Structures are given as C-alpha cells and as structure tokens.
Amino acid sequence: MPVLVASDLDRTLIYSAAALHLSGPDEDAPRLLCVEVYDSKPLSYMTETAAGLLAELGETALFVPTTTRTRAQYRRISLPGPPPKYAICANGGHLLVDGEPDADWHAQVTARLADECAPLAEVREHLLRTADPVWVRKQRTAEDLFAYLVLDRDLLPGEWVKELAVWAGERGWTVSLQGRKLYAVPVPLTKSAAVREVVRRTGAALTLAAGDSLLDADLLLAADRGWRPGHGELADSGWTVPAVEALPERGVLAGERITREFLRAAG
C-alpha cells in the first residue's frame, strides 16, 4: 500500500521572493529553482536541493499537492518529479485526477456547503461592506466556493479581523490571514476531507502532511505524521499537537527541511 504525502504549497513547499526569508550572507544563499511563472515573470521558488528531494519523493510515494489555490493558479506551478496522479485545489473543493476535475467529488462538496453554511454571496457582501478601501487592494472569489481579500497589512486593523472571525463563525465560515491575503472559507470546505477521499481510493497505509496556515490545521490533524514550518499562522499562534513536528526553519529552507522529512518518513 502506498505512502500518501499531502502537502500545502505556498509558504510550505514553494515561496515567493518576499517569503524566502534568506537571512545569512548573500554568498551563502542556497541556489533556487523557479517553479512558477506569472505574467511572464518568475513568481515562486524552491531550493535546488528541495527540488531534487521532491523529485525523488514522487518516485517513492504518492505525492498529492494540497492547496487553497484555484485550479488555474495551481496549473501555473511546475513541480519537479512525475506529474501527480491526484491534486487537491480550492481547499478541497476540487479533486484533480490526472489533471482533470472529478465532477462527482465537486458535486458532493457543493451539496454539503449548501446544507451547512451561509451562502458565498452573503459573506462576500459583508466583506465588501465592512472592509475599508484604504487597506483593501483586491477582492476575489475563488471557484464560486470562498472569498479572499488582498490587503495592505500595515494598515489592517486587527480588531476588524477578530470581529469578522466571530461573524463568519456564526454562519459556518472560518477566517484565515496569510501574508497579504485574508480568506473567508466555509468550515466544511477542508483539505482533509479531500485527502481522506484519496486515501479511500488508493488504500494508502500511511499519510504524511505539512502546512503553515490555519487552513492546514485539519490536514495536519488528519495525517499520521505532520510538519509545520517556523513561520505562518500556526507558528505565530504556537499551534502544536503530538503528531506534528514544529520545525525551527523559516522560509524556503523550511520547505527544504519538509521535503527531506517527507522522504525520510516515506522510507
């Protein structure tokens, strides 16, 4: 039975230039590999060492990219190693099989959201009505499943985020602040639910996971073993559970450490 490795991507395995967190002398910086291009410009990176480890992992385990990105955003990424058989996008809203969306899975997800949560339109209207245009740079909906704002973090009032989280929680939604983006996501829309479906289909005997944000907590809790980097929402809040190792590394070197831990644990 295969080992299943489900990993968040942004700020876990891949990093923008702003998130690299290279703190040593320039001459000691690791060599980087660009794994995403957007508008003809390089956008996301791994260390070359991490890229080699991930390619090796793809040959020895069932690697499942597990991301909040939309399908279009995910397809911009070119990860080392064989193309993943399964990938999870839109925080579990879409399950890709050989690159194609599984319509039955998406139908199950949307039916559950309709039964258990306030509609996306209500949440989006509240975001636009209460957020101040002074610190909102963009507002988006993703795959008709959830909403997010791109913010100026220096101007963002912390009390507004807390009040939004309470309001959203009363309606079956959760709020996650990741870098410059604030996500409002239905509580039942989870990465872990999609990972469990992949486990069911593949018969995986061991599940490994990694992630850095509040939206990754359910994924880490569902895995047999997990890792979180030394940055991000989970690290900032001190979140930890016995089966999840809190790594000291931050930035792109945390991504390298995570791929190394995956490969070691996968045997």
Protein backbone atom coordinates (compact mmCIF):
# COMPACT_ATOMS: atom_id res chain seq x y z
CA MET A 1 0.00 0.00 0.00
CA PRO A 2 1.39 3.45 -0.90
CA VAL A 3 2.56 6.17 1.44
CA LEU A 4 0.49 9.28 0.74
CA VAL A 5 2.20 12.67 1.12
CA ALA A 6 -0.27 15.57 1.18
CA SER A 7 1.41 18.96 1.33
CA ASP A 8 0.32 22.56 1.19
CA LEU A 9 2.27 24.52 -1.42
CA ASP A 10 2.59 28.28 -0.80
CA ARG A 11 4.89 29.09 2.12
CA THR A 12 5.25 25.36 2.82
CA LEU A 13 6.96 23.86 -0.24
CA ILE A 14 7.17 26.87 -2.58
CA TYR A 15 7.95 30.53 -1.81
CA SER A 16 7.61 33.93 -3.41
CA ALA A 17 10.64 36.21 -3.36
CA ALA A 18 9.11 38.12 -0.43
CA ALA A 19 8.68 34.92 1.60
CA LEU A 20 12.13 33.34 1.05
CA HIS A 21 13.45 34.59 4.41
CA LEU A 22 17.11 34.42 3.40
CA SER A 23 18.91 35.76 6.45
CA GLY A 24 22.58 34.86 6.00
CA PRO A 25 25.33 36.37 3.84
CA ASP A 26 24.45 36.57 0.15
CA GLU A 27 27.34 34.29 -0.80
CA ASP A 28 25.88 31.55 1.41
CA ALA A 29 22.35 31.69 -0.02
CA PRO A 30 21.03 28.43 -1.47
CA ARG A 31 20.63 28.01 -5.21
CA LEU A 32 16.99 28.48 -6.16
CA LEU A 33 14.79 26.90 -8.81
CA CYS A 34 11.82 28.84 -10.19
CA VAL A 35 8.71 26.63 -10.17
CA GLU A 36 6.05 29.20 -11.13
CA VAL A 37 5.83 31.96 -13.73
CA TYR A 38 3.01 34.52 -13.83
CA ASP A 39 2.60 37.23 -16.48
CA SER A 40 5.94 36.12 -17.92
CA LYS A 41 7.71 36.82 -14.59
CA PRO A 42 9.18 34.35 -12.06
CA LEU A 43 6.94 34.09 -9.02
CA SER A 44 7.66 31.05 -6.80
CA TYR A 45 10.79 29.14 -5.88
CA MET A 46 12.24 26.10 -4.13
CA THR A 47 15.86 25.44 -3.32
CA GLU A 48 17.52 23.20 -5.87
CA THR A 49 18.11 20.69 -3.07
CA ALA A 50 14.40 20.65 -2.19
CA ALA A 51 13.54 20.19 -5.87
CA GLY A 52 15.77 17.13 -6.08
CA LEU A 53 14.28 15.68 -2.90
CA LEU A 54 10.73 16.26 -4.16
CA ALA A 55 11.50 14.53 -7.45
CA GLU A 56 12.84 11.55 -5.51
CA LEU A 57 9.77 11.58 -3.28
CA GLY A 58 7.50 11.44 -6.31
CA GLU A 59 9.14 8.16 -7.32
CA THR A 60 8.75 6.52 -3.91
CA ALA A 61 5.42 7.83 -2.54
CA LEU A 62 2.05 9.14 -3.71
CA PHE A 63 2.63 12.90 -3.63
CA VAL A 64 -0.61 14.93 -3.53
CA PRO A 65 -0.28 18.74 -3.82
CA THR A 66 -2.94 20.15 -1.47
CA THR A 67 -3.64 23.83 -1.92
CA THR A 68 -6.13 26.66 -1.43
CA ARG A 69 -5.22 27.87 -4.92
CA THR A 70 -7.78 27.69 -7.69
CA ARG A 71 -7.24 25.17 -10.46
CA ALA A 72 -5.91 27.88 -12.79
CA GLN A 73 -3.47 29.13 -10.15
CA TYR A 74 -2.31 25.58 -9.41
CA ARG A 75 -1.65 24.86 -13.07
CA ARG A 76 0.89 27.70 -13.21
CA ILE A 77 3.16 25.67 -10.94
CA SER A 78 5.68 23.23 -12.44
CA LEU A 79 6.88 20.97 -9.64
CA PRO A 80 9.86 18.63 -10.02
CA GLY A 81 9.19 14.92 -10.37
CA PRO A 82 6.45 12.95 -12.10
CA PRO A 83 3.06 14.65 -12.62
CA PRO A 84 0.91 13.95 -9.54
CA LYS A 85 -1.87 11.40 -10.03
CA TYR A 86 -4.04 13.39 -7.60
CA ALA A 87 -4.06 17.06 -6.64
CA ILE A 88 -6.39 18.98 -4.32
CA CYS A 89 -7.33 22.57 -5.18
CA ALA A 90 -9.63 25.26 -3.78
CA ASN A 91 -9.05 24.00 -0.22
CA GLY A 92 -10.65 20.65 -1.07
CA GLY A 93 -13.36 21.93 -3.39
CA HIS A 94 -11.76 20.29 -6.41
CA LEU A 95 -10.04 16.92 -6.67
CA LEU A 96 -7.94 16.58 -9.81
CA VAL A 97 -7.30 13.09 -11.15
CA ASP A 98 -4.57 13.00 -13.80
CA GLY A 99 -5.06 16.75 -14.07
CA GLU A 100 -8.82 16.65 -14.65
CA PRO A 101 -11.50 17.68 -12.10
CA ASP A 102 -13.57 14.90 -10.55
CA ALA A 103 -17.15 16.13 -11.09
CA ASP A 104 -18.69 13.73 -8.57
CA TRP A 105 -16.41 14.95 -5.79
CA HIS A 106 -17.15 18.59 -6.55
CA ALA A 107 -20.90 17.89 -6.53
CA GLN A 108 -20.62 16.26 -3.09
CA VAL A 109 -18.73 19.27 -1.74
CA THR A 110 -21.12 21.89 -3.08
CA ALA A 111 -24.16 19.98 -1.78
CA ARG A 112 -22.68 19.89 1.71
CA LEU A 113 -21.86 23.61 1.66
CA ALA A 114 -25.40 24.44 0.61
CA ASP A 115 -26.75 22.44 3.55
CA GLU A 116 -24.39 23.65 6.28
CA CYS A 117 -23.20 27.20 5.57
CA ALA A 118 -24.37 30.69 4.76
CA PRO A 119 -24.11 31.36 1.01
CA LEU A 120 -20.98 32.85 -0.51
CA ALA A 121 -22.92 35.92 -1.69
CA GLU A 122 -23.81 36.85 1.90
CA VAL A 123 -20.22 36.54 3.08
CA ARG A 124 -18.83 38.46 0.13
CA GLU A 125 -21.34 41.27 0.66
CA HIS A 126 -20.32 41.52 4.32
CA LEU A 127 -16.63 41.64 3.42
CA LEU A 128 -17.14 44.45 0.92
CA ARG A 129 -19.43 46.41 3.23
CA THR A 130 -17.18 46.28 6.31
CA ALA A 131 -13.69 46.37 4.79
CA ASP A 132 -12.14 49.80 4.25
CA PRO A 133 -10.97 50.52 0.68
CA VAL A 134 -7.98 52.28 2.25
CA TRP A 135 -6.41 48.91 3.09
CA VAL A 136 -8.11 46.57 0.57
CA ARG A 137 -6.09 46.17 -2.61
CA LYS A 138 -8.17 43.47 -4.33
CA GLN A 139 -11.23 41.35 -3.61
CA ARG A 140 -11.81 37.98 -5.23
CA THR A 141 -13.99 34.89 -5.15
CA ALA A 142 -12.39 31.52 -5.89
CA GLU A 143 -14.17 28.80 -7.87
CA ASP A 144 -17.54 30.05 -6.51
CA LEU A 145 -16.54 28.40 -3.21
CA PHE A 146 -14.88 31.04 -1.00
CA ALA A 147 -13.74 34.65 -0.94
CA TYR A 148 -10.49 36.45 -0.20
CA LEU A 149 -9.09 39.96 0.05
CA VAL A 150 -5.60 41.19 -0.80
CA LEU A 151 -4.68 43.72 1.91
CA ASP A 152 -2.17 46.30 2.97
CA ARG A 153 -1.14 44.58 6.22
CA ASP A 154 0.43 47.74 7.65
CA LEU A 155 -2.96 49.48 7.62
CA LEU A 156 -5.18 46.49 8.50
CA PRO A 157 -6.94 46.88 11.90
CA GLY A 158 -6.52 43.73 13.98
CA GLU A 159 -9.92 44.26 15.61
CA TRP A 160 -11.64 44.06 12.24
CA VAL A 161 -10.18 40.60 11.64
CA LYS A 162 -11.33 39.40 15.06
CA GLU A 163 -14.84 40.76 14.55
CA LEU A 164 -15.00 39.18 11.10
CA ALA A 165 -13.95 35.80 12.50
CA VAL A 166 -16.79 35.91 15.05
CA TRP A 167 -19.35 36.96 12.43
CA ALA A 168 -18.18 34.27 10.00
CA GLY A 169 -18.09 31.55 12.66
CA GLU A 170 -21.76 32.13 13.44
CA ARG A 171 -22.53 31.37 9.79
CA GLY A 172 -20.42 28.27 9.33
CA TRP A 173 -17.36 30.02 7.88
CA THR A 174 -13.78 30.45 9.06
CA VAL A 175 -11.25 33.25 8.53
CA SER A 176 -7.53 32.85 7.82
CA LEU A 177 -4.96 35.65 7.42
CA GLN A 178 -1.97 34.53 5.34
CA GLY A 179 0.57 37.15 4.39
CA ARG A 180 -1.31 39.85 2.45
CA LYS A 181 -4.38 37.67 1.89
CA LEU A 182 -7.39 37.22 4.13
CA TYR A 183 -9.51 34.17 3.32
CA ALA A 184 -13.13 33.53 4.25
CA VAL A 185 -13.80 29.81 3.77
CA PRO A 186 -16.78 27.56 4.61
CA VAL A 187 -15.94 25.35 7.59
CA PRO A 188 -16.82 22.07 5.76
CA LEU A 189 -14.56 23.01 2.81
CA THR A 190 -11.41 21.24 4.01
CA LYS A 191 -8.25 19.77 2.62
CA SER A 192 -8.56 16.81 4.99
CA ALA A 193 -11.88 15.67 3.52
CA ALA A 194 -10.35 15.51 0.05
CA VAL A 195 -7.26 13.73 1.37
CA ARG A 196 -9.46 11.11 3.05
CA GLU A 197 -11.12 10.53 -0.33
CA VAL A 198 -7.72 9.93 -1.93
CA VAL A 199 -6.81 7.55 0.91
CA ARG A 200 -10.08 5.68 0.30
CA ARG A 201 -9.36 5.35 -3.41
CA THR A 202 -5.71 4.34 -3.07
CA GLY A 203 -5.66 2.32 0.14
CA ALA A 204 -2.73 4.35 1.46
CA ALA A 205 -1.44 2.86 4.70
CA LEU A 206 0.44 5.95 5.92
CA THR A 207 -0.41 9.64 5.44
CA LEU A 208 2.17 12.42 5.86
CA ALA A 209 1.32 16.12 5.69
CA ALA A 210 2.74 19.63 6.01
CA GLY A 211 1.28 23.13 6.14
CA ASP A 212 1.76 26.56 7.66
CA SER A 213 -1.69 28.16 7.99
CA LEU A 214 -4.92 27.82 9.91
CA LEU A 215 -6.45 26.26 6.80
CA ASP A 216 -3.85 23.47 7.06
CA ALA A 217 -4.65 22.52 10.66
CA ASP A 218 -7.32 19.98 9.70
CA LEU A 219 -4.94 18.45 7.14
CA LEU A 220 -2.21 18.04 9.77
CA LEU A 221 -4.66 16.57 12.29
CA ALA A 222 -5.86 14.00 9.74
CA ALA A 223 -2.33 12.76 8.95
CA ASP A 224 -0.37 10.07 10.75
CA ARG A 225 2.62 12.42 10.89
CA GLY A 226 2.96 16.08 10.05
CA TRP A 227 5.34 19.05 9.98
CA ARG A 228 4.85 22.78 10.15
CA PRO A 229 7.50 25.43 9.41
CA GLY A 230 8.71 28.06 11.85
CA HIS A 231 6.65 30.77 10.13
CA GLY A 232 2.97 31.27 9.32
CA GLU A 233 -0.30 31.36 11.24
CA LEU A 234 0.26 28.06 13.05
CA ALA A 235 3.75 29.01 14.21
CA ASP A 236 2.68 32.50 15.23
CA SER A 237 -0.09 31.07 17.41
CA GLY A 238 2.12 28.33 18.87
CA TRP A 239 -0.21 25.66 17.45
CA THR A 240 1.04 22.13 18.01
CA VAL A 241 -0.19 18.58 18.51
CA PRO A 242 1.82 15.44 19.34
CA ALA A 243 1.88 14.02 15.80
CA VAL A 244 3.00 17.31 14.21
CA GLU A 245 6.63 18.43 14.48
CA ALA A 246 7.18 22.17 14.76
CA LEU A 247 10.31 22.91 12.73
CA PRO A 248 12.63 25.82 13.58
CA GLU A 249 13.44 26.65 9.95
CA ARG A 250 11.65 29.57 8.29
CA GLY A 251 11.20 30.49 4.66
CA VAL A 252 12.49 28.48 1.73
CA LEU A 253 14.86 26.46 3.94
CA ALA A 254 11.81 25.22 5.84
CA GLY A 255 10.49 23.90 2.53
CA GLU A 256 13.76 22.04 2.01
CA ARG A 257 13.59 20.57 5.52
CA ILE A 258 9.99 19.46 4.97
CA THR A 259 10.80 17.62 1.73
CA ARG A 260 13.70 15.91 3.50
CA GLU A 261 11.41 14.82 6.37
CA PHE A 262 8.82 13.53 3.91
CA LEU A 263 11.39 11.43 2.09
CA ARG A 264 12.85 10.04 5.31
CA ALA A 265 9.41 9.15 6.75
CA ALA A 266 8.26 7.59 3.47
CA GLY A 267 11.17 5.17 3.75
